[in-house]
């Protein structure tokens, strides 16, 4: 059934004396699962089936069907069902029954490699900008969107990496979802508008998109919202992806009074700048820092409880903001200048300042921020691999002396696609390769969980425990 929930058991049927042995082992898990979930339709043995053994229903467990499927068949099922929802069962730890050279483990969601997926919080995704300005229906699969764009001109068309189904498959439970519209003189299509009023209207339209997508998405405005959403995700619910509304470049905020209106509409994180000269601050490549209006806006943010995103600020603007703003600070998508030179990255002194403020820095997966000398549309992207972002993660950890100030902020589909993402990343679901890469570098399970989601959870719990967001719902 389309909405059926199944427990997944991974093993090698060739090493089983009888399929009934798998059923016997699974009965233990089925019994315990029934105490938690009543909607589980059955169990699937995901296995490498030897010749002569057909994939079929081979038994039942406490009234639930027990099916045998090959990896290939399971992938076909996953492609057919937009919501092939699996429970996270970590009962293999409790029942470490070895079968040949494998151990049965309960997994969710489906992973052909047979490893547990880890919850991800991505601190920067331009979902509404991708949907509206690029005309993408994010409810469709990545493959469907690519096919729809196959005949379109442009280097970034047909190369998208993000959609709602892939976010679910990759366990991206929460993201910071942006609104993005600039009132600058850069005149970049789909980004720059002639005045603040037009930029504000465009951003309001992007905000409306998120509201229309409620059901696919869920607006998280308080710590209680996040805590409840993560708890539901851990119980197996994949109905909605949680998002914290953020703004990349504050130009759409007309004035300090308008900031309060945005707050009431759910905005919780704002980066004052993007690229070039903005209304409130100069951004990447710009010559200055905060403007007079920018200083006033930061004071309004502090009064509201708004979180400041230091990403894209110039060096001058960064140090001005750190000095005058006393509220919570984060960096949603920024890498390390020591590894990749340029003002788009943070210097070590800036990273230390953020650490001192209790900030978390999300690492971005834009190739030109990962490989020194990378030139968009010119450099061979095959040189860029996911393992390179581990170098940036590790650099922050070495400066901090711990792994509590770094996380994931991919910026995937932020004006680029696969052609400017790590060459071994096909979709956002491939973020699940990061835990293994971190483990290879010697990081503990606790540290890896922190990078993938725990550091953001701790940050927002602290940031919102004393802010208006913890006591006021818009």
Protein backbone atom coordinates (compact mmCIF):
# COMPACT_ATOMS: atom_id res chain seq x y z
CA UNK A 1 0.00 0.00 0.00
CA UNK A 2 1.19 3.53 -0.76
CA UNK A 3 1.23 4.64 2.87
CA UNK A 4 2.40 1.38 4.38
CA UNK A 5 5.16 1.43 6.95
CA UNK A 6 7.64 -1.42 6.98
CA UNK A 7 10.50 -2.41 9.21
CA UNK A 8 13.62 -3.25 7.22
CA UNK A 9 15.84 -6.20 8.07
CA UNK A 10 19.13 -6.49 6.20
CA UNK A 11 20.86 -9.80 5.82
CA UNK A 12 22.19 -12.36 3.39
CA UNK A 13 19.65 -15.05 2.66
CA UNK A 14 22.39 -17.23 1.21
CA UNK A 15 23.86 -17.62 4.68
CA UNK A 16 20.54 -18.58 6.27
CA UNK A 17 19.82 -22.23 6.74
CA UNK A 18 16.12 -21.51 6.28
CA UNK A 19 14.12 -18.34 5.66
CA UNK A 20 12.22 -19.28 8.80
CA UNK A 21 15.31 -18.34 10.82
CA UNK A 22 14.96 -14.76 9.63
CA UNK A 23 11.30 -14.86 10.63
CA UNK A 24 12.21 -16.14 14.08
CA UNK A 25 14.70 -13.33 14.64
CA UNK A 26 12.28 -10.74 13.33
CA UNK A 27 9.52 -11.85 15.69
CA UNK A 28 11.50 -10.39 18.56
CA UNK A 29 11.66 -7.02 16.82
CA UNK A 30 8.06 -7.19 15.69
CA UNK A 31 6.85 -7.74 19.23
CA UNK A 32 8.77 -4.77 20.55
CA UNK A 33 7.77 -2.59 17.61
CA UNK A 34 4.10 -3.32 18.24
CA UNK A 35 4.42 -1.57 21.58
CA UNK A 36 5.45 1.64 19.81
CA UNK A 37 3.81 1.63 16.40
CA UNK A 38 0.45 0.19 15.42
CA UNK A 39 0.65 1.07 11.73
CA UNK A 40 3.50 -1.21 10.68
CA UNK A 41 2.24 -3.41 7.86
CA UNK A 42 5.11 -5.86 7.97
CA UNK A 43 8.78 -6.56 7.64
CA UNK A 44 10.98 -6.75 4.58
CA UNK A 45 14.09 -8.91 4.45
CA UNK A 46 16.39 -6.88 2.22
CA UNK A 47 18.93 -9.36 0.96
CA UNK A 48 21.06 -10.72 -1.82
CA UNK A 49 18.87 -13.60 -2.90
CA UNK A 50 20.75 -16.68 -4.17
CA UNK A 51 19.72 -18.41 -7.35
CA UNK A 52 16.62 -20.51 -7.09
CA UNK A 53 15.10 -18.48 -4.24
CA UNK A 54 12.27 -16.21 -5.30
CA UNK A 55 11.37 -12.95 -3.62
CA UNK A 56 8.06 -13.50 -1.93
CA UNK A 57 6.12 -13.46 1.29
CA UNK A 58 7.81 -16.13 3.38
CA UNK A 59 5.94 -15.90 6.64
CA UNK A 60 4.32 -13.63 9.19
CA UNK A 61 5.31 -12.01 12.46
CA UNK A 62 2.61 -11.29 15.01
CA UNK A 63 0.06 -10.87 12.25
CA UNK A 64 2.36 -8.77 10.07
CA UNK A 65 3.57 -9.95 6.71
CA UNK A 66 7.24 -10.85 6.31
CA UNK A 67 8.53 -10.35 2.77
CA UNK A 68 11.76 -11.14 1.00
CA UNK A 69 12.99 -8.54 -1.51
CA UNK A 70 16.21 -8.03 -3.39
CA UNK A 71 17.99 -4.70 -3.23
CA UNK A 72 16.97 -4.04 -6.83
CA UNK A 73 13.31 -4.78 -6.15
CA UNK A 74 13.34 -2.53 -3.10
CA UNK A 75 14.79 0.30 -5.17
CA UNK A 76 11.98 -0.14 -7.70
CA UNK A 77 9.42 0.04 -4.91
CA UNK A 78 11.04 3.17 -3.57
CA UNK A 79 10.80 4.78 -6.98
CA UNK A 80 7.10 3.98 -7.26
CA UNK A 81 6.02 5.30 -3.90
CA UNK A 82 6.52 8.94 -3.04
CA UNK A 83 6.06 7.99 0.60
CA UNK A 84 7.72 4.65 1.25
CA UNK A 85 7.98 5.23 4.95
CA UNK A 86 10.22 3.15 7.19
CA UNK A 87 10.59 3.03 10.92
CA UNK A 88 13.90 3.66 12.60
CA UNK A 89 14.52 0.50 14.59
CA UNK A 90 17.78 0.22 16.48
CA UNK A 91 16.95 -3.17 17.86
CA UNK A 92 19.99 -4.83 16.33
CA UNK A 93 21.92 -3.41 19.26
CA UNK A 94 19.53 -5.22 21.54
CA UNK A 95 19.40 -8.40 19.47
CA UNK A 96 22.85 -8.80 17.86
CA UNK A 97 22.04 -12.01 16.03
CA UNK A 98 24.80 -12.74 13.54
CA UNK A 99 23.88 -14.47 10.32
CA UNK A 100 26.98 -15.49 8.44
CA UNK A 101 29.19 -12.44 8.12
CA UNK A 102 26.34 -9.97 8.54
CA UNK A 103 24.24 -8.81 11.43
CA UNK A 104 20.54 -8.18 11.07
CA UNK A 105 19.87 -4.52 11.72
CA UNK A 106 16.70 -2.53 11.53
CA UNK A 107 17.10 0.47 9.28
CA UNK A 108 15.24 3.55 8.11
CA UNK A 109 14.95 4.89 5.57
CA UNK A 110 15.92 2.41 2.82
CA UNK A 111 19.64 2.40 2.13
CA UNK A 112 21.06 0.02 -0.40
CA UNK A 113 24.36 -0.03 1.48
CA UNK A 114 22.67 -1.47 4.52
CA UNK A 115 23.80 1.23 6.97
CA UNK A 116 21.87 3.37 9.38
CA UNK A 117 20.93 6.80 8.13
CA UNK A 118 21.47 9.74 10.44
CA UNK A 119 19.12 12.70 10.87
CA UNK A 120 20.37 15.80 9.06
CA UNK A 121 19.73 19.47 9.74
CA UNK A 122 20.77 21.58 6.74
CA UNK A 123 21.15 25.24 7.68
CA UNK A 124 20.84 26.69 4.20
CA UNK A 125 18.49 25.72 1.37
CA UNK A 126 16.95 28.22 -1.06
CA UNK A 127 13.82 26.12 -1.51
CA UNK A 128 11.34 28.86 -2.40
CA UNK A 129 13.81 30.60 -4.71
CA UNK A 130 14.44 27.30 -6.50
CA UNK A 131 10.71 26.64 -6.81
CA UNK A 132 9.57 30.10 -7.92
CA UNK A 133 12.54 31.60 -9.74
CA UNK A 134 13.59 28.33 -11.36
CA UNK A 135 10.01 27.08 -11.80
CA UNK A 136 10.57 23.73 -10.11
CA UNK A 137 7.90 21.57 -8.49
CA UNK A 138 9.87 20.28 -5.51
CA UNK A 139 7.26 17.64 -4.80
CA UNK A 140 8.53 15.75 -7.84
CA UNK A 141 11.56 13.49 -7.86
CA UNK A 142 14.96 14.85 -8.85
CA UNK A 143 14.82 12.74 -12.01
CA UNK A 144 11.43 14.17 -13.02
CA UNK A 145 12.67 17.73 -12.53
CA UNK A 146 15.80 17.00 -14.54
CA UNK A 147 13.77 15.54 -17.38
CA UNK A 148 11.52 18.61 -17.40
CA UNK A 149 14.60 20.85 -17.74
CA UNK A 150 16.49 18.68 -20.21
CA UNK A 151 15.67 20.91 -23.19
CA UNK A 152 16.28 24.19 -21.35
CA UNK A 153 19.37 26.25 -21.96
CA UNK A 154 21.71 27.13 -19.13
CA UNK A 155 24.55 25.35 -17.36
CA UNK A 156 22.53 24.78 -14.22
CA UNK A 157 19.37 23.39 -15.83
CA UNK A 158 18.69 19.68 -15.53
CA UNK A 159 21.30 19.43 -12.78
CA UNK A 160 19.25 19.99 -9.63
CA UNK A 161 20.05 18.06 -6.47
CA UNK A 162 17.22 18.98 -4.06
CA UNK A 163 13.55 18.07 -3.85
CA UNK A 164 11.25 17.01 -1.04
CA UNK A 165 11.42 13.24 -1.78
CA UNK A 166 15.24 13.33 -1.79
CA UNK A 167 15.28 15.32 1.45
CA UNK A 168 13.16 12.61 3.05
CA UNK A 169 15.32 9.84 1.60
CA UNK A 170 18.40 11.58 2.95
CA UNK A 171 16.85 12.08 6.40
CA UNK A 172 16.95 15.89 6.11
CA UNK A 173 14.46 16.42 8.90
CA UNK A 174 14.94 20.17 9.27
CA UNK A 175 16.41 22.96 7.17
CA UNK A 176 16.81 26.70 7.32
CA UNK A 177 14.73 27.64 4.28
CA UNK A 178 15.39 31.06 2.84
CA UNK A 179 13.67 33.94 1.16
CA UNK A 180 16.06 35.75 -1.19
CA UNK A 181 15.57 38.99 -3.12
CA UNK A 182 18.09 41.82 -3.45
CA UNK A 183 17.76 45.54 -4.08
CA UNK A 184 21.29 46.07 -5.38
CA UNK A 185 22.84 47.44 -8.54
CA UNK A 186 24.27 44.08 -9.63
CA UNK A 187 21.33 43.45 -12.01
CA UNK A 188 21.56 39.68 -11.78
CA UNK A 189 18.46 38.02 -13.19
CA UNK A 190 16.09 36.43 -10.67
CA UNK A 191 17.95 38.08 -7.80
CA UNK A 192 18.15 41.87 -8.18
CA UNK A 193 15.23 44.31 -8.22
CA UNK A 194 15.03 48.04 -8.81
CA UNK A 195 13.93 48.98 -5.32
CA UNK A 196 13.33 47.59 -1.86
CA UNK A 197 9.59 47.53 -2.35
CA UNK A 198 9.85 45.13 -5.30
CA UNK A 199 12.40 42.99 -3.46
CA UNK A 200 10.07 42.88 -0.46
CA UNK A 201 7.13 41.81 -2.62
CA UNK A 202 9.23 39.05 -4.20
CA UNK A 203 10.33 37.81 -0.78
CA UNK A 204 6.73 37.90 0.44
CA UNK A 205 5.82 35.70 -2.50
CA UNK A 206 8.52 33.24 -1.51
CA UNK A 207 7.16 33.28 2.05
CA UNK A 208 3.71 32.50 0.61
CA UNK A 209 5.17 29.47 -1.17
CA UNK A 210 6.24 27.93 2.12
CA UNK A 211 2.79 28.54 3.54
CA UNK A 212 1.15 26.90 0.52
CA UNK A 213 3.49 23.92 0.93
CA UNK A 214 2.33 23.30 4.51
CA UNK A 215 1.68 19.57 4.61
CA UNK A 216 4.89 18.92 2.74
CA UNK A 217 6.66 21.41 5.02
CA UNK A 218 6.18 22.52 8.61
CA UNK A 219 7.17 25.93 9.93
CA UNK A 220 9.23 25.68 13.12
CA UNK A 221 9.10 28.94 15.11
CA UNK A 222 10.01 27.85 18.64
CA UNK A 223 12.22 25.32 20.37
CA UNK A 224 9.11 23.38 21.29
CA UNK A 225 8.25 23.13 17.58
CA UNK A 226 11.70 21.73 16.76
CA UNK A 227 11.70 19.33 19.68
CA UNK A 228 8.28 17.96 18.75
CA UNK A 229 9.17 17.66 15.07
CA UNK A 230 12.40 15.77 15.72
CA UNK A 231 10.58 13.46 18.15
CA UNK A 232 7.98 12.67 15.48
CA UNK A 233 10.70 12.11 12.89
CA UNK A 234 12.47 9.68 15.22
CA UNK A 235 9.19 7.81 15.66
CA UNK A 236 9.09 7.30 11.90
CA UNK A 237 6.92 10.15 10.64
CA UNK A 238 8.07 11.56 7.31
CA UNK A 239 4.89 13.48 6.49
CA UNK A 240 6.50 16.90 6.73
CA UNK A 241 9.97 18.40 6.55
CA UNK A 242 10.56 21.02 9.22
CA UNK A 243 11.87 24.42 8.21
CA UNK A 244 13.06 27.49 10.07
CA UNK A 245 12.37 30.59 7.98
CA UNK A 246 15.50 32.60 7.22
CA UNK A 247 16.34 35.53 4.98
CA UNK A 248 19.51 35.76 2.91
CA UNK A 249 20.17 39.46 2.56
CA UNK A 250 17.90 41.79 4.53
CA UNK A 251 16.91 44.08 1.63
CA UNK A 252 13.27 42.83 1.63
CA UNK A 253 12.81 44.26 5.17
CA UNK A 254 11.58 47.80 4.48
CA UNK A 255 12.45 49.24 7.90
CA UNK A 256 12.61 48.32 11.60
CA UNK A 257 8.82 48.26 11.90
CA UNK A 258 8.67 45.87 8.95
CA UNK A 259 11.17 43.62 10.75
CA UNK A 260 8.55 43.12 13.46
CA UNK A 261 5.98 42.17 10.81
CA UNK A 262 8.37 39.62 9.35
CA UNK A 263 8.91 38.23 12.85
CA UNK A 264 5.18 37.82 13.29
CA UNK A 265 5.14 35.98 9.96
CA UNK A 266 7.66 33.44 11.23
CA UNK A 267 11.05 34.85 10.21
CA UNK A 268 13.67 33.79 12.75
CA UNK A 269 17.12 34.10 11.12
CA UNK A 270 18.44 36.97 8.96
CA UNK A 271 21.74 37.59 7.19
CA UNK A 272 21.99 41.35 6.55
CA UNK A 273 23.97 40.98 3.31
CA UNK A 274 24.38 38.80 0.22
CA UNK A 275 26.63 39.94 -2.63
CA UNK A 276 27.65 43.52 -3.34
CA UNK A 277 26.28 46.70 -1.80
CA UNK A 278 23.02 46.14 0.07
CA UNK A 279 20.61 48.39 1.89
CA UNK A 280 21.77 47.35 5.36
CA UNK A 281 25.27 46.01 4.74
CA UNK A 282 27.76 45.25 2.02
CA UNK A 283 28.14 41.58 1.24
CA UNK A 284 30.68 39.35 -0.45
CA UNK A 285 32.80 41.43 -2.83
CA UNK A 286 31.46 44.70 -1.45
CA UNK A 287 33.69 47.59 -0.31
CA UNK A 288 32.10 48.58 3.01
CA UNK A 289 30.40 47.27 6.12
CA UNK A 290 27.13 47.98 7.92
CA UNK A 291 25.19 51.06 6.83
CA UNK A 292 23.47 53.45 9.24
CA UNK A 293 20.22 51.57 8.55
CA UNK A 294 22.09 48.34 9.21
CA UNK A 295 23.08 49.36 12.73
CA UNK A 296 19.45 50.32 13.41
CA UNK A 297 18.19 47.02 12.04
CA UNK A 298 20.52 44.97 14.24
CA UNK A 299 19.15 46.79 17.29
CA UNK A 300 15.62 45.89 16.18
CA UNK A 301 16.70 42.27 15.66
CA UNK A 302 18.11 42.12 19.15
CA UNK A 303 14.85 43.45 20.61
CA UNK A 304 12.83 40.92 18.63
CA UNK A 305 15.02 37.92 19.42
CA UNK A 306 16.00 37.49 15.76
CA UNK A 307 19.09 35.36 15.13
CA UNK A 308 21.87 37.03 13.14
CA UNK A 309 23.42 35.08 10.27
CA UNK A 310 26.99 36.31 9.76
CA UNK A 311 27.30 34.63 6.36
CA UNK A 312 28.20 36.92 3.42
CA UNK A 313 29.19 39.90 5.58
CA UNK A 314 32.38 41.67 4.54
CA UNK A 315 35.22 41.56 7.02
CA UNK A 316 34.41 45.11 8.11
CA UNK A 317 30.71 44.35 8.45
CA UNK A 318 31.41 41.11 10.31
CA UNK A 319 33.44 42.80 13.04
CA UNK A 320 30.94 45.66 13.30
CA UNK A 321 28.07 43.20 13.75
CA UNK A 322 29.93 41.10 16.30
CA UNK A 323 30.63 44.22 18.33
CA UNK A 324 27.16 45.84 18.34
CA UNK A 325 24.82 42.82 18.19
CA UNK A 326 24.39 40.96 21.47
CA UNK A 327 21.84 38.35 20.43
CA UNK A 328 22.47 34.83 19.12
CA UNK A 329 24.73 34.53 16.06
CA UNK A 330 25.21 31.70 13.56
CA UNK A 331 26.76 31.23 10.13
CA UNK A 332 24.42 29.24 7.94
CA UNK A 333 26.81 28.40 5.07
CA UNK A 334 30.45 29.38 5.29
CA UNK A 335 33.78 27.62 4.90
CA UNK A 336 37.37 28.33 5.95
CA UNK A 337 39.62 30.95 4.38
CA UNK A 338 42.73 29.11 5.60
CA UNK A 339 41.85 26.30 3.17
CA UNK A 340 40.24 28.29 0.34
CA UNK A 341 41.36 31.94 0.14
CA UNK A 342 38.82 34.68 -0.49
CA UNK A 343 36.46 36.99 1.35
CA UNK A 344 33.57 34.52 0.94
CA UNK A 345 35.22 32.33 3.59
CA UNK A 346 35.86 33.09 7.25
CA UNK A 347 39.35 33.84 8.53
CA UNK A 348 40.57 31.93 11.57
CA UNK A 349 40.04 35.04 13.71
CA UNK A 350 36.43 35.27 12.55
CA UNK A 351 35.87 31.59 13.30
CA UNK A 352 37.34 32.04 16.79
CA UNK A 353 35.05 35.03 17.37
CA UNK A 354 32.02 32.98 16.37
CA UNK A 355 33.12 30.14 18.62
CA UNK A 356 33.44 32.60 21.51
CA UNK A 357 29.83 33.68 20.85
CA UNK A 358 28.57 30.09 20.95
CA UNK A 359 27.84 30.09 17.23
CA UNK A 360 27.54 27.09 14.93
CA UNK A 361 28.92 27.31 11.38
CA UNK A 362 27.26 25.34 8.58
CA UNK A 363 29.69 24.02 5.96
CA UNK A 364 28.71 24.74 2.34
CA UNK A 365 29.02 22.33 -0.61
CA UNK A 366 29.61 24.89 -3.35
CA UNK A 367 32.70 23.73 -5.24
CA UNK A 368 34.35 27.14 -5.45
CA UNK A 369 34.25 27.28 -1.65
CA UNK A 370 35.87 23.85 -1.35
CA UNK A 371 38.72 23.85 -3.87
CA UNK A 372 41.33 26.66 -4.01
CA UNK A 373 41.41 28.34 -7.42
CA UNK A 374 38.10 26.86 -8.56
CA UNK A 375 36.49 28.98 -11.26
CA UNK A 376 32.74 28.38 -11.82
CA UNK A 377 31.90 27.15 -15.34
CA UNK A 378 35.61 26.62 -16.07
CA UNK A 379 37.26 24.31 -13.52
CA UNK A 380 36.86 20.56 -13.98
CA UNK A 381 34.47 19.67 -11.18
CA UNK A 382 35.73 16.08 -11.01
CA UNK A 383 38.47 17.42 -8.73
CA UNK A 384 35.93 18.26 -6.01
CA UNK A 385 34.88 15.45 -3.67
CA UNK A 386 32.71 15.29 -0.55
CA UNK A 387 35.75 14.36 1.54
CA UNK A 388 37.05 17.91 0.99
CA UNK A 389 34.34 19.35 3.22
CA UNK A 390 35.67 17.15 6.02
CA UNK A 391 38.86 19.25 5.86
CA UNK A 392 36.81 22.39 6.53
CA UNK A 393 34.86 20.69 9.31
CA UNK A 394 38.08 19.50 10.89
CA UNK A 395 39.66 22.96 10.63
CA UNK A 396 36.82 24.50 12.66
CA UNK A 397 37.06 21.67 15.19
CA UNK A 398 40.82 22.20 15.60
CA UNK A 399 40.29 25.91 16.23
CA UNK A 400 37.49 25.20 18.72
CA UNK A 401 39.18 22.27 20.44
CA UNK A 402 35.94 20.32 20.07
CA UNK A 403 33.31 19.38 17.48
CA UNK A 404 30.41 21.45 18.84
CA UNK A 405 30.60 24.55 16.61
CA UNK A 406 30.36 23.07 13.13
CA UNK A 407 27.50 21.56 11.16
CA UNK A 408 26.04 21.24 7.66
CA UNK A 409 24.73 24.16 5.58
CA UNK A 410 24.93 22.88 2.03
CA UNK A 411 23.48 25.70 -0.13
CA UNK A 412 22.71 22.98 -2.69
CA UNK A 413 20.77 24.29 -5.72
CA UNK A 414 21.65 27.79 -4.58
CA UNK A 415 22.12 29.03 -8.13
CA UNK A 416 24.15 25.98 -9.13
CA UNK A 417 23.58 22.25 -9.53
CA UNK A 418 25.58 19.06 -9.84
CA UNK A 419 28.06 20.83 -12.10
CA UNK A 420 29.24 22.94 -9.16
CA UNK A 421 28.64 20.48 -6.31
CA UNK A 422 31.05 17.74 -5.20
CA UNK A 423 31.33 15.36 -8.14
CA UNK A 424 30.46 12.35 -5.97
CA UNK A 425 27.17 13.95 -4.84
CA UNK A 426 24.14 13.28 -7.03
CA UNK A 427 21.39 14.52 -4.71
CA UNK A 428 21.02 15.89 -1.21
CA UNK A 429 20.44 12.33 -0.01
CA UNK A 430 24.18 11.74 -0.48
CA UNK A 431 24.78 13.77 2.67
CA UNK A 432 24.47 10.36 4.30
CA UNK A 433 28.00 9.67 3.10
CA UNK A 434 29.37 12.29 5.50
CA UNK A 435 29.13 10.18 8.70
CA UNK A 436 31.38 7.54 7.15
CA UNK A 437 33.88 10.14 5.99
CA UNK A 438 33.94 11.70 9.45
CA UNK A 439 34.41 8.28 11.03
CA UNK A 440 37.39 7.68 8.76
CA UNK A 441 38.92 10.88 10.14
CA UNK A 442 38.58 9.56 13.68
CA UNK A 443 35.45 11.37 14.83
CA UNK A 444 33.30 9.66 17.44
CA UNK A 445 29.65 8.77 16.93
CA UNK A 446 28.64 11.56 19.31
CA UNK A 447 30.70 14.12 17.40
CA UNK A 448 29.32 12.92 14.07
CA UNK A 449 25.75 13.19 15.34
CA UNK A 450 26.60 16.69 16.48
CA UNK A 451 27.82 17.71 13.04
CA UNK A 452 24.83 16.14 11.30
CA UNK A 453 22.14 17.59 13.57
CA UNK A 454 22.97 17.75 17.28
CA UNK A 455 24.92 21.01 17.22
CA UNK A 456 22.05 22.83 15.55
CA UNK A 457 19.56 21.38 18.03
CA UNK A 458 21.66 22.56 20.94
CA UNK A 459 22.14 26.00 19.36
CA UNK A 460 18.45 26.64 18.76
CA UNK A 461 17.46 25.32 22.16
CA UNK A 462 19.81 27.80 23.81
CA UNK A 463 19.09 30.66 21.41
CA UNK A 464 15.34 30.39 21.80
CA UNK A 465 15.21 29.60 25.50
CA UNK A 466 15.52 33.28 26.40
CA UNK A 467 14.09 34.89 23.26
CA UNK A 468 10.59 35.89 22.26
CA UNK A 469 10.48 32.83 20.02
CA UNK A 470 10.23 30.57 23.05
CA UNK A 471 7.19 32.30 24.46
CA UNK A 472 5.40 33.90 21.51
CA UNK A 473 3.92 32.20 18.47
CA UNK A 474 3.08 34.30 15.47
